[in-house]
Amino acid sequence: MRLGDLLLESRDAQVDLTTLCGEAAVHVDQVVQLGIHHISPRLVREVRDAGFDEFSLDEIIELGIHHVSPEFVTAVRATGMPAGLSDIVEMGIHHVNADFIRQVHDLGFTSVTPGQIMDLRIHHADAAYLQQMRALLGDVSLENLVDMRIHNVTPEFVTSIEELGLGTINPDLWQDFRIHGVTVEFAAAITELGFSDFAADKLADMRIHGVTAEFAAKMQQSDPHITLNEVIERAIAGEMV
């Protein structure tokens, strides 16, 4: 459709749209977008009915571009989430629907923000993941759960590590395990060596400095009283080479 045709088709709607959105004028590029995406004053009225009193014409255009319906806007608003119209457009883009928001609320995250709920979707942290991780780790924040999902800290990994009896492991350390390549096999091998100063956080330190289970066992064979800190120090000094 030519620009002239779009202008003529949208001419009757311009006054209503301008008035409803509280803007002084509609620019030519906005008129083009209105025509391309078949945006009418009805959409603006429906958005108002959903509870929005103030919004821009550009926000209405974004709704049309991304096929975010007034029904979707109403459903998200009904969850009680304090989301602006632009937030709801982003939720539509990332397939965050009202059902998912309610699932997250039901898990106790009643103050979840639009940004957090979108992070969950983007990183594939669904309600089942949140529920399993909280059952294993207790009162973990949403930010920690998103970060753990990003670094592939799975319920299976947590369960396998916890079976080694390493004590309480904080959320940051779970991420460090994954970031630095602490596997279940590595953790089990070091645990079995029985170092007197063993602590879970030293597993990450060992991997950072390239300490293998074989090197740790070799150092222990040569000195049965050696500590894990000394093993790490010797690796840093180059004795693994």
C-alpha atoms as a PDB file:
ATOM      1  CA  MET A   1       0.000   0.000   0.000  1.00  0.00           C
ATOM      2  CA  ARG A   2       1.339   3.462  -0.939  1.00  0.00           C
ATOM      3  CA  LEU A   3       1.915   6.157   1.678  1.00  0.00           C
ATOM      4  CA  GLY A   4      -0.875   8.276   0.199  1.00  0.00           C
ATOM      5  CA  ASP A   5      -3.335   5.446   0.540  1.00  0.00           C
ATOM      6  CA  LEU A   6      -2.263   4.881   4.144  1.00  0.00           C
ATOM      7  CA  LEU A   7      -2.752   8.528   4.925  1.00  0.00           C
ATOM      8  CA  LEU A   8      -6.240   8.523   3.437  1.00  0.00           C
ATOM      9  CA  GLU A   9      -7.195   5.266   5.175  1.00  0.00           C
ATOM     10  CA  SER A  10      -6.007   6.556   8.542  1.00  0.00           C
ATOM     11  CA  ARG A  11      -7.359  10.096   8.160  1.00  0.00           C
ATOM     12  CA  ASP A  12     -10.638   9.486   9.962  1.00  0.00           C
ATOM     13  CA  ALA A  13      -8.888   7.637  12.789  1.00  0.00           C
ATOM     14  CA  GLN A  14      -6.197  10.286  13.369  1.00  0.00           C
ATOM     15  CA  VAL A  15      -8.368  12.658  15.391  1.00  0.00           C
ATOM     16  CA  ASP A  16      -9.673   9.883  17.649  1.00  0.00           C
ATOM     17  CA  LEU A  17      -6.208   8.366  18.162  1.00  0.00           C
ATOM     18  CA  THR A  18      -4.612  11.719  18.873  1.00  0.00           C
ATOM     19  CA  THR A  19      -7.324  12.604  21.381  1.00  0.00           C
ATOM     20  CA  LEU A  20      -7.354   9.212  23.089  1.00  0.00           C
ATOM     21  CA  CYS A  21      -3.565   9.134  23.465  1.00  0.00           C
ATOM     22  CA  GLY A  22      -3.389  12.745  24.597  1.00  0.00           C
ATOM     23  CA  GLU A  23      -0.939  13.770  21.885  1.00  0.00           C
ATOM     24  CA  ALA A  24      -1.022  16.995  19.905  1.00  0.00           C
ATOM     25  CA  ALA A  25      -0.374  15.438  16.512  1.00  0.00           C
ATOM     26  CA  VAL A  26       0.267  12.206  14.690  1.00  0.00           C
ATOM     27  CA  HIS A  27       3.491  12.117  12.661  1.00  0.00           C
ATOM     28  CA  VAL A  28       3.630  10.691   9.169  1.00  0.00           C
ATOM     29  CA  ASP A  29       5.725   7.678  10.197  1.00  0.00           C
ATOM     30  CA  GLN A  30       3.210   6.912  12.942  1.00  0.00           C
ATOM     31  CA  VAL A  31       0.360   7.080  10.414  1.00  0.00           C
ATOM     32  CA  VAL A  32       2.243   4.571   8.250  1.00  0.00           C
ATOM     33  CA  GLN A  33       2.597   2.212  11.206  1.00  0.00           C
ATOM     34  CA  LEU A  34      -1.085   2.618  12.077  1.00  0.00           C
ATOM     35  CA  GLY A  35      -2.060   1.579   8.576  1.00  0.00           C
ATOM     36  CA  ILE A  36       0.400  -1.294   8.260  1.00  0.00           C
ATOM     37  CA  HIS A  37      -0.644  -2.842  11.568  1.00  0.00           C
ATOM     38  CA  HIS A  38      -4.369  -2.024  11.273  1.00  0.00           C
ATOM     39  CA  ILE A  39      -4.466  -0.064  14.526  1.00  0.00           C
ATOM     40  CA  SER A  40      -7.768   1.647  15.212  1.00  0.00           C
ATOM     41  CA  PRO A  41      -9.217   3.861  17.965  1.00  0.00           C
ATOM     42  CA  ARG A  42     -10.966   0.727  19.236  1.00  0.00           C
ATOM     43  CA  LEU A  43      -7.614  -0.726  20.346  1.00  0.00           C
ATOM     44  CA  VAL A  44      -6.854   2.454  22.282  1.00  0.00           C
ATOM     45  CA  ARG A  45     -10.240   2.344  24.001  1.00  0.00           C
ATOM     46  CA  GLU A  46      -9.744  -1.305  24.931  1.00  0.00           C
ATOM     47  CA  VAL A  47      -6.353  -0.508  26.450  1.00  0.00           C
ATOM     48  CA  ARG A  48      -8.015   2.234  28.492  1.00  0.00           C
ATOM     49  CA  ASP A  49     -10.653  -0.268  29.607  1.00  0.00           C
ATOM     50  CA  ALA A  50      -7.824  -2.545  30.759  1.00  0.00           C
ATOM     51  CA  GLY A  51      -6.842   0.110  33.298  1.00  0.00           C
ATOM     52  CA  PHE A  52      -4.307   2.326  31.538  1.00  0.00           C
ATOM     53  CA  ASP A  53      -5.065   6.041  31.653  1.00  0.00           C
ATOM     54  CA  GLU A  54      -1.819   7.382  30.217  1.00  0.00           C
ATOM     55  CA  PHE A  55       0.177   5.976  27.320  1.00  0.00           C
ATOM     56  CA  SER A  56       1.752   7.155  24.090  1.00  0.00           C
ATOM     57  CA  LEU A  57       0.755   6.456  20.534  1.00  0.00           C
ATOM     58  CA  ASP A  58       4.121   4.752  20.046  1.00  0.00           C
ATOM     59  CA  GLU A  59       3.217   2.293  22.804  1.00  0.00           C
ATOM     60  CA  ILE A  60      -0.070   1.546  21.045  1.00  0.00           C
ATOM     61  CA  ILE A  61       1.840   0.983  17.819  1.00  0.00           C
ATOM     62  CA  GLU A  62       4.154  -1.456  19.642  1.00  0.00           C
ATOM     63  CA  LEU A  63       1.088  -3.424  20.742  1.00  0.00           C
ATOM     64  CA  GLY A  64       0.039  -3.740  17.117  1.00  0.00           C
ATOM     65  CA  ILE A  65       3.508  -4.616  15.830  1.00  0.00           C
ATOM     66  CA  HIS A  66       3.914  -7.474  18.325  1.00  0.00           C
ATOM     67  CA  HIS A  67       0.291  -8.632  18.194  1.00  0.00           C
ATOM     68  CA  VAL A  68      -0.283  -8.010  21.898  1.00  0.00           C
ATOM     69  CA  SER A  69      -4.042  -8.081  22.317  1.00  0.00           C
ATOM     70  CA  PRO A  70      -6.156  -6.079  24.778  1.00  0.00           C
ATOM     71  CA  GLU A  71      -7.182  -9.419  26.286  1.00  0.00           C
ATOM     72  CA  PHE A  72      -3.525 -10.190  27.016  1.00  0.00           C
ATOM     73  CA  VAL A  73      -3.093  -6.732  28.576  1.00  0.00           C
ATOM     74  CA  THR A  74      -6.169  -7.268  30.758  1.00  0.00           C
ATOM     75  CA  ALA A  75      -5.033 -10.734  31.860  1.00  0.00           C
ATOM     76  CA  VAL A  76      -1.592  -9.503  32.913  1.00  0.00           C
ATOM     77  CA  ARG A  77      -3.090  -6.571  34.784  1.00  0.00           C
ATOM     78  CA  ALA A  78      -5.430  -8.972  36.616  1.00  0.00           C
ATOM     79  CA  THR A  79      -2.424 -10.732  38.209  1.00  0.00           C
ATOM     80  CA  GLY A  80      -1.642  -7.588  40.190  1.00  0.00           C
ATOM     81  CA  MET A  81       1.816  -7.160  38.714  1.00  0.00           C
ATOM     82  CA  PRO A  82       2.747  -3.451  38.576  1.00  0.00           C
ATOM     83  CA  ALA A  83       3.583  -3.473  34.879  1.00  0.00           C
ATOM     84  CA  GLY A  84       3.469  -0.563  32.471  1.00  0.00           C
ATOM     85  CA  LEU A  85       2.218  -0.912  28.927  1.00  0.00           C
ATOM     86  CA  SER A  86       5.742  -1.154  27.531  1.00  0.00           C
ATOM     87  CA  ASP A  87       6.487  -3.913  30.091  1.00  0.00           C
ATOM     88  CA  ILE A  88       3.444  -5.855  28.910  1.00  0.00           C
ATOM     89  CA  VAL A  89       4.580  -5.538  25.298  1.00  0.00           C
ATOM     90  CA  GLU A  90       7.958  -7.016  26.329  1.00  0.00           C
ATOM     91  CA  MET A  91       6.169  -9.822  28.157  1.00  0.00           C
ATOM     92  CA  GLY A  92       4.224 -10.605  25.020  1.00  0.00           C
ATOM     93  CA  ILE A  93       7.449 -10.732  23.014  1.00  0.00           C
ATOM     94  CA  HIS A  94       8.994 -13.196  25.505  1.00  0.00           C
ATOM     95  CA  HIS A  95       5.826 -15.297  25.896  1.00  0.00           C
ATOM     96  CA  VAL A  96       5.258 -14.353  29.524  1.00  0.00           C
ATOM     97  CA  ASN A  97       1.549 -14.901  30.099  1.00  0.00           C
ATOM     98  CA  ALA A  98      -0.741 -14.433  33.081  1.00  0.00           C
ATOM     99  CA  ASP A  99      -0.673 -18.152  33.926  1.00  0.00           C
ATOM    100  CA  PHE A 100       3.115 -18.100  34.319  1.00  0.00           C
ATOM    101  CA  ILE A 101       2.947 -14.985  36.494  1.00  0.00           C
ATOM    102  CA  ARG A 102       0.396 -16.681  38.754  1.00  0.00           C
ATOM    103  CA  GLN A 103       2.559 -19.815  38.985  1.00  0.00           C
ATOM    104  CA  VAL A 104       5.507 -17.712  40.156  1.00  0.00           C
ATOM    105  CA  HIS A 105       3.265 -15.901  42.648  1.00  0.00           C
ATOM    106  CA  ASP A 106       2.023 -19.247  43.995  1.00  0.00           C
ATOM    107  CA  LEU A 107       5.624 -20.248  44.756  1.00  0.00           C
ATOM    108  CA  GLY A 108       5.914 -17.284  47.111  1.00  0.00           C
ATOM    109  CA  PHE A 109       7.458 -14.709  44.770  1.00  0.00           C
ATOM    110  CA  THR A 110       4.544 -12.305  45.072  1.00  0.00           C
ATOM    111  CA  SER A 111       6.632  -9.176  44.483  1.00  0.00           C
ATOM    112  CA  VAL A 112       8.224 -10.384  41.239  1.00  0.00           C
ATOM    113  CA  THR A 113       8.911  -7.517  38.844  1.00  0.00           C
ATOM    114  CA  PRO A 114       8.350  -7.406  35.071  1.00  0.00           C
ATOM    115  CA  GLY A 115      12.117  -7.556  34.524  1.00  0.00           C
ATOM    116  CA  GLN A 116      12.474 -10.633  36.743  1.00  0.00           C
ATOM    117  CA  ILE A 117       9.572 -12.496  35.182  1.00  0.00           C
ATOM    118  CA  MET A 118      11.053 -11.893  31.726  1.00  0.00           C
ATOM    119  CA  ASP A 119      14.493 -13.086  32.898  1.00  0.00           C
ATOM    120  CA  LEU A 120      12.862 -16.322  34.036  1.00  0.00           C
ATOM    121  CA  ARG A 121      11.356 -16.865  30.598  1.00  0.00           C
ATOM    122  CA  ILE A 122      14.471 -15.826  28.672  1.00  0.00           C
ATOM    123  CA  HIS A 123      16.633 -18.298  30.620  1.00  0.00           C
ATOM    124  CA  HIS A 124      14.040 -21.103  30.655  1.00  0.00           C
ATOM    125  CA  ALA A 125      13.539 -21.108  34.420  1.00  0.00           C
ATOM    126  CA  ASP A 126      10.005 -22.461  34.543  1.00  0.00           C
ATOM    127  CA  ALA A 127       7.802 -23.002  37.587  1.00  0.00           C
ATOM    128  CA  ALA A 128       8.881 -26.645  37.914  1.00  0.00           C
ATOM    129  CA  TYR A 129      12.555 -25.600  38.095  1.00  0.00           C
ATOM    130  CA  LEU A 130      11.827 -22.931  40.711  1.00  0.00           C
ATOM    131  CA  GLN A 131       9.814 -25.367  42.810  1.00  0.00           C
ATOM    132  CA  GLN A 132      12.447 -28.129  42.672  1.00  0.00           C
ATOM    133  CA  MET A 133      15.320 -25.798  43.519  1.00  0.00           C
ATOM    134  CA  ARG A 134      13.509 -24.234  46.451  1.00  0.00           C
ATOM    135  CA  ALA A 135      12.635 -27.690  47.765  1.00  0.00           C
ATOM    136  CA  LEU A 136      16.340 -28.565  47.684  1.00  0.00           C
ATOM    137  CA  LEU A 137      17.914 -25.285  48.791  1.00  0.00           C
ATOM    138  CA  GLY A 138      15.236 -23.575  50.857  1.00  0.00           C
ATOM    139  CA  ASP A 139      14.579 -19.847  50.750  1.00  0.00           C
ATOM    140  CA  VAL A 140      16.571 -18.872  47.659  1.00  0.00           C
ATOM    141  CA  SER A 141      15.989 -15.503  46.021  1.00  0.00           C
ATOM    142  CA  LEU A 142      14.613 -15.192  42.519  1.00  0.00           C
ATOM    143  CA  GLU A 143      17.811 -13.479  41.378  1.00  0.00           C
ATOM    144  CA  ASN A 144      19.886 -16.427  42.616  1.00  0.00           C
ATOM    145  CA  LEU A 145      17.585 -18.915  40.916  1.00  0.00           C
ATOM    146  CA  VAL A 146      17.867 -17.079  37.596  1.00  0.00           C
ATOM    147  CA  ASP A 147      21.666 -16.974  37.916  1.00  0.00           C
ATOM    148  CA  MET A 148      21.795 -20.682  38.777  1.00  0.00           C
ATOM    149  CA  ARG A 149      19.640 -21.490  35.769  1.00  0.00           C
ATOM    150  CA  ILE A 150      21.937 -19.426  33.539  1.00  0.00           C
ATOM    151  CA  HIS A 151      24.915 -21.482  34.758  1.00  0.00           C
ATOM    152  CA  ASN A 152      23.062 -24.808  34.438  1.00  0.00           C
ATOM    153  CA  VAL A 153      22.812 -25.561  38.139  1.00  0.00           C
ATOM    154  CA  THR A 154      20.154 -28.250  37.842  1.00  0.00           C
ATOM    155  CA  PRO A 155      18.199 -30.082  40.568  1.00  0.00           C
ATOM    156  CA  GLU A 156      20.046 -33.255  39.536  1.00  0.00           C
ATOM    157  CA  PHE A 157      23.454 -31.599  40.010  1.00  0.00           C
ATOM    158  CA  VAL A 158      22.450 -30.204  43.409  1.00  0.00           C
ATOM    159  CA  THR A 159      21.130 -33.585  44.563  1.00  0.00           C
ATOM    160  CA  SER A 160      24.285 -35.427  43.479  1.00  0.00           C
ATOM    161  CA  ILE A 161      26.606 -32.935  45.207  1.00  0.00           C
ATOM    162  CA  GLU A 162      24.519 -32.889  48.389  1.00  0.00           C
ATOM    163  CA  GLU A 163      24.734 -36.690  48.589  1.00  0.00           C
ATOM    164  CA  LEU A 164      28.480 -36.241  49.156  1.00  0.00           C
ATOM    165  CA  GLY A 165      27.731 -34.554  52.497  1.00  0.00           C
ATOM    166  CA  LEU A 166      29.624 -31.320  51.860  1.00  0.00           C
ATOM    167  CA  GLY A 167      27.458 -29.265  54.212  1.00  0.00           C
ATOM    168  CA  THR A 168      25.613 -26.059  53.395  1.00  0.00           C
ATOM    169  CA  ILE A 169      26.479 -24.572  50.010  1.00  0.00           C
ATOM    170  CA  ASN A 170      25.346 -21.020  49.275  1.00  0.00           C
ATOM    171  CA  PRO A 171      23.823 -20.011  45.909  1.00  0.00           C
ATOM    172  CA  ASP A 172      26.954 -18.189  44.738  1.00  0.00           C
ATOM    173  CA  LEU A 173      29.063 -21.289  45.356  1.00  0.00           C
ATOM    174  CA  TRP A 174      26.697 -23.457  43.321  1.00  0.00           C
ATOM    175  CA  GLN A 175      27.277 -21.081  40.430  1.00  0.00           C
ATOM    176  CA  ASP A 176      31.049 -21.124  41.020  1.00  0.00           C
ATOM    177  CA  PHE A 177      30.998 -24.909  40.814  1.00  0.00           C
ATOM    178  CA  ARG A 178      29.485 -24.763  37.352  1.00  0.00           C
ATOM    179  CA  ILE A 179      31.547 -21.810  36.150  1.00  0.00           C
ATOM    180  CA  HIS A 180      34.861 -23.419  37.157  1.00  0.00           C
ATOM    181  CA  GLY A 181      34.029 -26.990  36.174  1.00  0.00           C
ATOM    182  CA  VAL A 182      33.505 -28.667  39.540  1.00  0.00           C
ATOM    183  CA  THR A 183      31.880 -31.947  38.567  1.00  0.00           C
ATOM    184  CA  VAL A 184      30.249 -34.525  40.817  1.00  0.00           C
ATOM    185  CA  GLU A 185      33.107 -36.907  40.025  1.00  0.00           C
ATOM    186  CA  PHE A 186      35.765 -34.339  40.960  1.00  0.00           C
ATOM    187  CA  ALA A 187      33.998 -33.422  44.200  1.00  0.00           C
ATOM    188  CA  ALA A 188      33.630 -37.110  45.125  1.00  0.00           C
ATOM    189  CA  ALA A 189      37.301 -37.849  44.444  1.00  0.00           C
ATOM    190  CA  ILE A 190      38.537 -34.945  46.598  1.00  0.00           C
ATOM    191  CA  THR A 191      36.072 -35.769  49.382  1.00  0.00           C
ATOM    192  CA  GLU A 192      37.344 -39.355  49.515  1.00  0.00           C
ATOM    193  CA  LEU A 193      40.916 -38.146  50.096  1.00  0.00           C
ATOM    194  CA  GLY A 194      39.807 -36.847  53.508  1.00  0.00           C
ATOM    195  CA  PHE A 195      41.893 -33.673  53.814  1.00  0.00           C
ATOM    196  CA  SER A 196      41.654 -32.259  57.346  1.00  0.00           C
ATOM    197  CA  ASP A 197      40.953 -28.723  56.119  1.00  0.00           C
ATOM    198  CA  PHE A 198      38.488 -29.709  53.404  1.00  0.00           C
ATOM    199  CA  ALA A 199      35.616 -27.274  52.742  1.00  0.00           C
ATOM    200  CA  ALA A 200      33.227 -27.090  49.803  1.00  0.00           C
ATOM    201  CA  ASP A 201      34.486 -23.689  48.615  1.00  0.00           C
ATOM    202  CA  LYS A 202      37.989 -25.149  48.135  1.00  0.00           C
ATOM    203  CA  LEU A 203      36.664 -27.290  45.301  1.00  0.00           C
ATOM    204  CA  ALA A 204      36.175 -24.146  43.199  1.00  0.00           C
ATOM    205  CA  ASP A 205      39.611 -22.835  44.259  1.00  0.00           C
ATOM    206  CA  MET A 206      41.188 -26.094  43.147  1.00  0.00           C
ATOM    207  CA  ARG A 207      39.594 -25.922  39.714  1.00  0.00           C
ATOM    208  CA  ILE A 208      40.556 -22.244  39.334  1.00  0.00           C
ATOM    209  CA  HIS A 209      44.200 -23.177  39.859  1.00  0.00           C
ATOM    210  CA  GLY A 210      44.064 -26.342  37.786  1.00  0.00           C
ATOM    211  CA  VAL A 211      44.418 -28.780  40.672  1.00  0.00           C
ATOM    212  CA  THR A 212      43.378 -32.274  39.649  1.00  0.00           C
ATOM    213  CA  ALA A 213      42.281 -35.104  41.921  1.00  0.00           C
ATOM    214  CA  GLU A 214      45.310 -37.054  40.738  1.00  0.00           C
ATOM    215  CA  PHE A 215      47.707 -34.288  41.797  1.00  0.00           C
ATOM    216  CA  ALA A 216      46.024 -33.971  45.197  1.00  0.00           C
ATOM    217  CA  ALA A 217      46.289 -37.736  45.738  1.00  0.00           C
ATOM    218  CA  LYS A 218      49.960 -37.690  44.709  1.00  0.00           C
ATOM    219  CA  MET A 219      50.743 -34.875  47.151  1.00  0.00           C
ATOM    220  CA  GLN A 220      48.961 -36.745  49.923  1.00  0.00           C
ATOM    221  CA  GLN A 221      50.901 -39.921  49.223  1.00  0.00           C
ATOM    222  CA  SER A 222      54.189 -38.054  49.526  1.00  0.00           C
ATOM    223  CA  ASP A 223      53.070 -36.255  52.717  1.00  0.00           C
ATOM    224  CA  PRO A 224      50.079 -37.808  54.574  1.00  0.00           C
ATOM    225  CA  HIS A 225      49.750 -34.684  56.733  1.00  0.00           C
ATOM    226  CA  ILE A 226      49.577 -32.184  53.896  1.00  0.00           C
ATOM    227  CA  THR A 227      46.563 -29.873  53.901  1.00  0.00           C
ATOM    228  CA  LEU A 228      44.397 -28.999  50.949  1.00  0.00           C
ATOM    229  CA  ASN A 229      45.551 -25.382  51.161  1.00  0.00           C
ATOM    230  CA  GLU A 230      49.135 -26.581  50.797  1.00  0.00           C
ATOM    231  CA  VAL A 231      48.180 -28.692  47.797  1.00  0.00           C
ATOM    232  CA  ILE A 232      46.659 -25.622  46.142  1.00  0.00           C
ATOM    233  CA  GLU A 233      49.733 -23.536  47.005  1.00  0.00           C
ATOM    234  CA  ARG A 234      52.033 -26.124  45.450  1.00  0.00           C
ATOM    235  CA  ALA A 235      49.950 -26.144  42.282  1.00  0.00           C
ATOM    236  CA  ILE A 236      50.170 -22.346  42.126  1.00  0.00           C
ATOM    237  CA  ALA A 237      53.942 -22.620  42.596  1.00  0.00           C
ATOM    238  CA  GLY A 238      54.143 -24.792  39.515  1.00  0.00           C
ATOM    239  CA  GLU A 239      54.691 -28.236  41.024  1.00  0.00           C
ATOM    240  CA  MET A 240      51.977 -29.732  38.833  1.00  0.00           C
ATOM    241  CA  VAL A 241      54.084 -29.096  35.720  1.00  0.00           C
END
